[in-house]
Amino acid sequence: MRNTVIALGGNALGKTWQEQKQLTCKTAKAIVDLLEVTSHLVVSHGNGPQVGMIKLAFEESGKDMPLAECGSMSQGYIGYHLQNALYNELARRQKKVTVASLVTQVQVDPRDPAFQNPSKPIGSFYSQEEAQAIMAQQPEKVFKEDAGRGWRQVVASPQPIDIVEKNMIIDLVNQGHLVIAAGGGGIPVVLKDGHLDSVEAVIDKDFASALLADLIGADRFIVLTAVDQVAINFGQANESWLDRATVQDMEAYIDQGMFAPGSMLPKVQAALKFVKAGPGREALITSLDRAADALAGKTGTRIVAD
């Protein structure tokens, strides 16, 4: 029996509250299946579509809500649906496991180079003229053209360096609770003179989840995505799906440009960071539907030190 952290993709949770509530029921079944083969489980999740909807709702009402507050709202909104679905699935199987979701702050370095080159698009689309007018009135905001679709605000995506509530998460795990934490990569905060302040940024969910797994002493990290396994030469005639790979193998594939930025690349990089951070660790990349099969060695891409 092992301690495991799983990272759910935000897109897997739907784009409306009705769709999300339906999909979390399916998600809950897969998560409870994992409890059959692991002693403790912590769930992290993405929030891309959800935090975007929250921010857009405020923008359309003529109000500007900071990204940190939007992220915290998404943690509560998604956490509630996951808690509710997991409670019902656990009760259906007569398992006496309690579920808790925790609004989580994730510390970043204010000197992270990502703050000098904001690249993560958020919020509404604007014309070039509208974007330039906003930047003239609010110089702290940066807008960039987004793939021919219009101009959008961009924010930094710094690396996570610590999780503020880590000790609380460890306590909950040790007491046998199923914990939902670091949703959407967590709320980015910086430490200044002993005080925490939020920053306009988005932390990659997979990097935050890998750090969470490291800090709580997990020995297994599972990244759940849209495919059962990781492929090299994806979409080409010589496409090949990976069952097992070492850190050295995956680093070589990264150098060869095998994984798409913004898609599979950060998932692989997060998995490597976790495996390299401690002995005896493994990471799995697979789909939600096949997660239990992946743990049984029937599918998934398993990444180990050597």
Protein backbone atom coordinates (compact mmCIF):
# COMPACT_ATOMS: atom_id res chain seq x y z
CA MET A 1 0.00 0.00 0.00
CA ARG A 2 1.44 3.34 -1.01
CA ASN A 3 0.85 7.08 -0.78
CA THR A 4 -0.25 8.58 -4.07
CA VAL A 5 -0.97 12.03 -5.49
CA ILE A 6 -3.08 12.27 -8.64
CA ALA A 7 -3.40 15.33 -10.88
CA LEU A 8 -6.69 15.69 -12.75
CA GLY A 9 -6.94 17.90 -15.83
CA GLY A 10 -9.33 20.87 -15.60
CA ASN A 11 -10.73 20.16 -19.05
CA ALA A 12 -11.87 16.74 -17.82
CA LEU A 13 -14.24 18.51 -15.43
CA GLY A 14 -16.41 20.17 -18.06
CA LYS A 15 -17.20 23.74 -19.05
CA THR A 16 -20.48 24.39 -17.22
CA TRP A 17 -21.50 23.63 -13.66
CA GLN A 18 -24.06 21.09 -14.90
CA GLU A 19 -21.49 19.30 -17.03
CA GLN A 20 -18.95 19.40 -14.23
CA LYS A 21 -21.36 17.89 -11.74
CA GLN A 22 -22.05 14.99 -14.12
CA LEU A 23 -18.39 14.43 -14.93
CA THR A 24 -17.28 14.46 -11.30
CA CYS A 25 -19.53 11.45 -10.69
CA LYS A 26 -17.53 9.54 -13.30
CA THR A 27 -14.29 10.92 -11.88
CA ALA A 28 -15.26 9.84 -8.37
CA LYS A 29 -15.69 6.22 -9.45
CA ALA A 30 -12.18 6.16 -10.91
CA ILE A 31 -10.68 7.81 -7.81
CA VAL A 32 -12.39 5.39 -5.42
CA ASP A 33 -11.11 2.50 -7.56
CA LEU A 34 -7.60 3.76 -6.78
CA LEU A 35 -8.29 3.57 -3.05
CA GLU A 36 -8.38 -0.20 -3.47
CA VAL A 37 -4.65 -0.23 -4.22
CA THR A 38 -3.21 2.74 -2.31
CA SER A 39 -3.34 3.52 1.39
CA HIS A 40 -3.53 7.32 1.16
CA LEU A 41 -4.64 9.49 -1.72
CA VAL A 42 -4.40 13.22 -2.44
CA VAL A 43 -6.20 14.71 -5.43
CA SER A 44 -5.14 17.83 -7.28
CA HIS A 45 -6.94 19.27 -10.28
CA GLY A 46 -6.73 21.82 -13.05
CA ASN A 47 -9.05 24.81 -13.30
CA GLY A 48 -8.35 26.36 -16.71
CA PRO A 49 -11.92 26.48 -18.09
CA GLN A 50 -13.44 27.19 -14.68
CA VAL A 51 -11.22 30.09 -13.61
CA GLY A 52 -11.63 31.56 -17.09
CA MET A 53 -15.42 31.49 -16.74
CA ILE A 54 -15.26 33.12 -13.32
CA LYS A 55 -12.98 35.92 -14.50
CA LEU A 56 -15.08 36.45 -17.63
CA ALA A 57 -18.27 36.72 -15.56
CA PHE A 58 -16.76 39.54 -13.53
CA GLU A 59 -15.43 41.27 -16.64
CA GLU A 60 -18.84 41.15 -18.32
CA SER A 61 -20.43 42.65 -15.21
CA GLY A 62 -18.03 45.58 -15.47
CA LYS A 63 -15.95 44.51 -12.49
CA ASP A 64 -12.30 43.45 -12.41
CA MET A 65 -11.69 40.59 -9.98
CA PRO A 66 -8.03 39.74 -9.25
CA LEU A 67 -6.82 36.39 -10.52
CA ALA A 68 -6.00 35.13 -7.01
CA GLU A 69 -9.61 35.59 -5.93
CA CYS A 70 -10.86 33.93 -9.12
CA GLY A 71 -8.54 30.99 -8.46
CA SER A 72 -9.74 30.61 -4.89
CA MET A 73 -13.36 30.62 -6.08
CA SER A 74 -12.56 27.88 -8.59
CA GLN A 75 -10.91 25.78 -5.88
CA GLY A 76 -14.07 25.95 -3.79
CA TYR A 77 -16.40 25.38 -6.74
CA ILE A 78 -14.51 22.36 -8.10
CA GLY A 79 -13.70 21.07 -4.62
CA TYR A 80 -17.37 21.06 -3.67
CA HIS A 81 -18.38 19.00 -6.71
CA LEU A 82 -15.53 16.52 -6.18
CA GLN A 83 -16.27 16.22 -2.45
CA ASN A 84 -19.94 15.65 -3.11
CA ALA A 85 -19.35 13.03 -5.81
CA LEU A 86 -16.68 11.24 -3.79
CA TYR A 87 -18.88 11.17 -0.66
CA ASN A 88 -21.69 9.56 -2.64
CA GLU A 89 -19.44 7.02 -4.33
CA LEU A 90 -17.73 6.08 -1.06
CA ALA A 91 -21.11 5.69 0.64
CA ARG A 92 -22.35 3.52 -2.25
CA ARG A 93 -19.39 1.19 -1.71
CA GLN A 94 -19.75 1.37 2.08
CA LYS A 95 -16.26 2.78 2.54
CA LYS A 96 -15.69 4.83 5.68
CA VAL A 97 -13.41 7.45 4.21
CA THR A 98 -13.97 11.17 4.71
CA VAL A 99 -13.16 13.77 2.06
CA ALA A 100 -11.78 17.27 2.60
CA SER A 101 -10.88 19.97 0.08
CA LEU A 102 -8.45 22.69 1.04
CA VAL A 103 -8.03 26.15 -0.48
CA THR A 104 -4.29 26.06 -1.07
CA GLN A 105 -1.68 28.80 -1.40
CA VAL A 106 1.47 27.98 -3.37
CA GLN A 107 4.59 30.07 -2.88
CA VAL A 108 6.59 31.32 -5.85
CA ASP A 109 9.80 33.32 -6.10
CA PRO A 110 9.18 37.00 -6.96
CA ARG A 111 12.50 36.88 -8.86
CA ASP A 112 11.33 34.02 -11.08
CA PRO A 113 12.19 34.99 -14.69
CA ALA A 114 8.61 34.17 -15.71
CA PHE A 115 7.53 37.51 -14.22
CA GLN A 116 9.68 39.29 -16.81
CA ASN A 117 8.01 37.45 -19.68
CA PRO A 118 4.27 36.88 -19.00
CA SER A 119 2.99 34.22 -21.37
CA LYS A 120 -0.14 32.58 -19.92
CA PRO A 121 -3.31 33.97 -21.59
CA ILE A 122 -6.35 34.56 -19.38
CA GLY A 123 -9.75 36.26 -19.67
CA SER A 124 -11.53 37.83 -22.61
CA PHE A 125 -10.42 38.58 -26.17
CA TYR A 126 -10.00 42.23 -27.19
CA SER A 127 -9.15 44.11 -30.34
CA GLN A 128 -5.66 45.57 -30.55
CA GLU A 129 -7.04 49.04 -29.95
CA GLU A 130 -8.99 47.95 -26.88
CA ALA A 131 -5.98 46.09 -25.46
CA GLN A 132 -3.68 49.05 -25.97
CA ALA A 133 -6.20 51.36 -24.30
CA ILE A 134 -6.38 49.11 -21.24
CA MET A 135 -2.58 48.91 -21.02
CA ALA A 136 -2.36 52.71 -21.24
CA GLN A 137 -4.79 53.04 -18.31
CA GLN A 138 -3.41 50.07 -16.33
CA PRO A 139 0.33 49.73 -17.08
CA GLU A 140 0.65 46.71 -14.79
CA LYS A 141 -1.41 44.66 -17.27
CA VAL A 142 0.18 43.06 -20.34
CA PHE A 143 -1.79 42.02 -23.43
CA LYS A 144 -0.53 39.94 -26.35
CA GLU A 145 -2.03 38.72 -29.60
CA ASP A 146 -3.34 35.15 -29.23
CA ALA A 147 -3.04 32.97 -32.35
CA GLY A 148 -5.01 35.33 -34.59
CA ARG A 149 -8.06 35.26 -32.32
CA GLY A 150 -7.54 38.67 -30.74
CA TRP A 151 -5.60 40.16 -27.86
CA ARG A 152 -5.72 38.72 -24.34
CA GLN A 153 -4.16 39.58 -21.03
CA VAL A 154 -1.12 37.42 -20.25
CA VAL A 155 0.29 36.68 -16.82
CA ALA A 156 3.41 34.98 -15.55
CA SER A 157 3.59 31.23 -14.98
CA PRO A 158 6.31 30.88 -12.31
CA GLN A 159 7.62 27.64 -10.82
CA PRO A 160 6.17 26.63 -7.42
CA ILE A 161 8.69 26.49 -4.57
CA ASP A 162 6.57 25.68 -1.50
CA ILE A 163 3.02 24.89 -0.43
CA VAL A 164 1.87 26.99 2.51
CA GLU A 165 -0.65 24.46 3.84
CA LYS A 166 1.59 21.38 3.40
CA ASN A 167 1.65 20.46 7.10
CA MET A 168 -2.13 20.60 7.29
CA ILE A 169 -2.37 18.35 4.22
CA ILE A 170 0.07 15.88 5.80
CA ASP A 171 -2.00 15.82 9.01
CA LEU A 172 -5.21 15.14 7.09
CA VAL A 173 -3.57 12.37 5.05
CA ASN A 174 -2.10 10.73 8.16
CA GLN A 175 -5.57 10.71 9.71
CA GLY A 176 -6.86 8.75 6.73
CA HIS A 177 -8.78 11.51 4.95
CA LEU A 178 -8.99 11.72 1.17
CA VAL A 179 -7.67 15.23 0.49
CA ILE A 180 -8.27 17.59 -2.44
CA ALA A 181 -5.57 20.26 -2.55
CA ALA A 182 -3.52 22.61 -4.77
CA GLY A 183 -6.41 22.98 -7.21
CA GLY A 184 -5.55 24.87 -10.37
CA GLY A 185 -1.90 24.93 -9.36
CA GLY A 186 -2.79 26.75 -6.15
CA ILE A 187 -3.12 30.46 -5.45
CA PRO A 188 0.26 32.04 -6.25
CA VAL A 189 1.73 33.95 -3.33
CA VAL A 190 5.09 35.52 -2.52
CA LEU A 191 6.64 35.98 0.92
CA LYS A 192 7.55 39.59 1.75
CA ASP A 193 8.84 40.57 5.19
CA GLY A 194 7.15 37.58 6.75
CA HIS A 195 3.80 38.25 5.06
CA LEU A 196 2.16 36.44 2.15
CA ASP A 197 0.87 38.51 -0.77
CA SER A 198 -0.88 37.17 -3.86
CA VAL A 199 0.50 37.86 -7.34
CA GLU A 200 -1.14 37.93 -10.78
CA ALA A 201 0.13 34.61 -12.06
CA VAL A 202 -0.93 31.10 -12.97
CA ILE A 203 1.06 28.12 -11.70
CA ASP A 204 1.10 25.03 -13.89
CA LYS A 205 -1.13 22.45 -12.23
CA ASP A 206 1.20 19.53 -12.93
CA PHE A 207 4.27 21.26 -11.46
CA ALA A 208 2.31 22.23 -8.35
CA SER A 209 0.97 18.69 -8.02
CA ALA A 210 4.46 17.21 -8.36
CA LEU A 211 5.73 19.57 -5.64
CA LEU A 212 2.77 18.60 -3.44
CA ALA A 213 3.62 14.92 -3.91
CA ASP A 214 7.25 15.61 -3.00
CA LEU A 215 6.48 17.68 0.11
CA ILE A 216 4.01 15.20 1.62
CA GLY A 217 6.36 12.27 1.06
CA ALA A 218 4.35 10.44 -1.59
CA ASP A 219 6.11 7.67 -3.46
CA ARG A 220 3.86 7.73 -6.49
CA PHE A 221 2.59 10.57 -8.67
CA ILE A 222 -0.08 10.02 -11.34
CA VAL A 223 -0.77 12.57 -14.07
CA LEU A 224 -4.18 11.96 -15.64
CA THR A 225 -4.63 13.23 -19.17
CA ALA A 226 -6.59 12.52 -22.36
CA VAL A 227 -4.51 9.55 -23.55
CA ASP A 228 -3.68 6.17 -22.02
CA GLN A 229 0.05 6.49 -22.64
CA VAL A 230 2.75 8.92 -23.70
CA ALA A 231 3.86 8.66 -27.33
CA ILE A 232 7.03 9.59 -29.14
CA ASN A 233 6.81 10.68 -32.78
CA PHE A 234 3.15 11.37 -32.04
CA GLY A 235 0.92 11.38 -35.13
CA GLN A 236 3.68 10.15 -37.42
CA ALA A 237 4.18 6.86 -39.22
CA ASN A 238 6.77 5.77 -36.62
CA GLU A 239 4.60 6.71 -33.64
CA SER A 240 5.44 4.62 -30.59
CA TRP A 241 3.67 4.39 -27.22
CA LEU A 242 5.79 4.14 -24.09
CA ASP A 243 5.08 1.51 -21.42
CA ARG A 244 8.09 2.21 -19.20
CA ALA A 245 10.86 4.79 -19.42
CA THR A 246 13.72 5.98 -17.27
CA VAL A 247 14.45 9.58 -16.38
CA GLN A 248 17.38 9.47 -18.80
CA ASP A 249 15.11 8.19 -21.60
CA MET A 250 12.54 10.94 -21.07
CA GLU A 251 15.14 13.69 -20.85
CA ALA A 252 16.55 12.51 -24.17
CA TYR A 253 13.07 12.60 -25.73
CA ILE A 254 12.59 16.15 -24.43
CA ASP A 255 15.89 17.19 -26.03
CA GLN A 256 14.62 15.68 -29.30
CA GLY A 257 11.43 17.77 -29.12
CA MET A 258 9.14 14.76 -28.79
CA PHE A 259 6.58 16.43 -26.52
CA ALA A 260 4.44 19.45 -27.37
CA PRO A 261 4.83 22.56 -25.16
CA GLY A 262 1.63 23.41 -23.34
CA SER A 263 0.41 19.84 -23.79
CA MET A 264 2.42 16.72 -22.92
CA LEU A 265 5.74 18.49 -22.22
CA PRO A 266 4.85 20.02 -18.81
CA LYS A 267 3.30 16.72 -17.69
CA VAL A 268 6.50 14.85 -18.50
CA GLN A 269 8.66 17.56 -16.91
CA ALA A 270 6.57 17.50 -13.72
CA ALA A 271 6.78 13.70 -13.56
CA LEU A 272 10.57 13.87 -13.94
CA LYS A 273 10.92 16.48 -11.18
CA PHE A 274 9.01 14.23 -8.79
CA VAL A 275 10.93 11.05 -9.62
CA LYS A 276 14.32 12.79 -9.38
CA ALA A 277 13.52 14.42 -6.02
CA GLY A 278 13.71 11.21 -3.97
CA PRO A 279 14.66 7.52 -4.09
CA GLY A 280 12.21 4.75 -4.92
CA ARG A 281 9.68 6.99 -6.62
CA GLU A 282 7.67 6.45 -9.76
CA ALA A 283 5.38 8.56 -11.91
CA LEU A 284 2.55 7.39 -14.13
CA ILE A 285 0.97 9.24 -17.03
CA THR A 286 -2.32 7.80 -18.21
CA SER A 287 -6.02 8.52 -18.67
CA LEU A 288 -8.59 8.78 -15.89
CA ASP A 289 -10.56 5.81 -17.24
CA ARG A 290 -7.48 3.57 -17.20
CA ALA A 291 -5.87 4.77 -13.96
CA ALA A 292 -6.54 1.55 -12.03
CA ASP A 293 -5.32 -0.51 -15.00
CA ALA A 294 -2.18 1.63 -15.13
CA LEU A 295 -1.45 0.89 -11.48
CA ALA A 296 -1.82 -2.80 -12.30
CA GLY A 297 0.73 -2.45 -15.10
CA LYS A 298 -1.78 -2.96 -17.91
CA THR A 299 -1.39 0.46 -19.53
CA GLY A 300 0.03 3.92 -18.87
CA THR A 301 3.58 5.22 -19.11
CA ARG A 302 5.59 4.45 -15.99
CA ILE A 303 8.62 6.70 -15.35
CA VAL A 304 11.32 5.50 -12.97
CA ALA A 305 14.80 6.63 -11.97
CA ASP A 306 16.65 3.88 -13.85
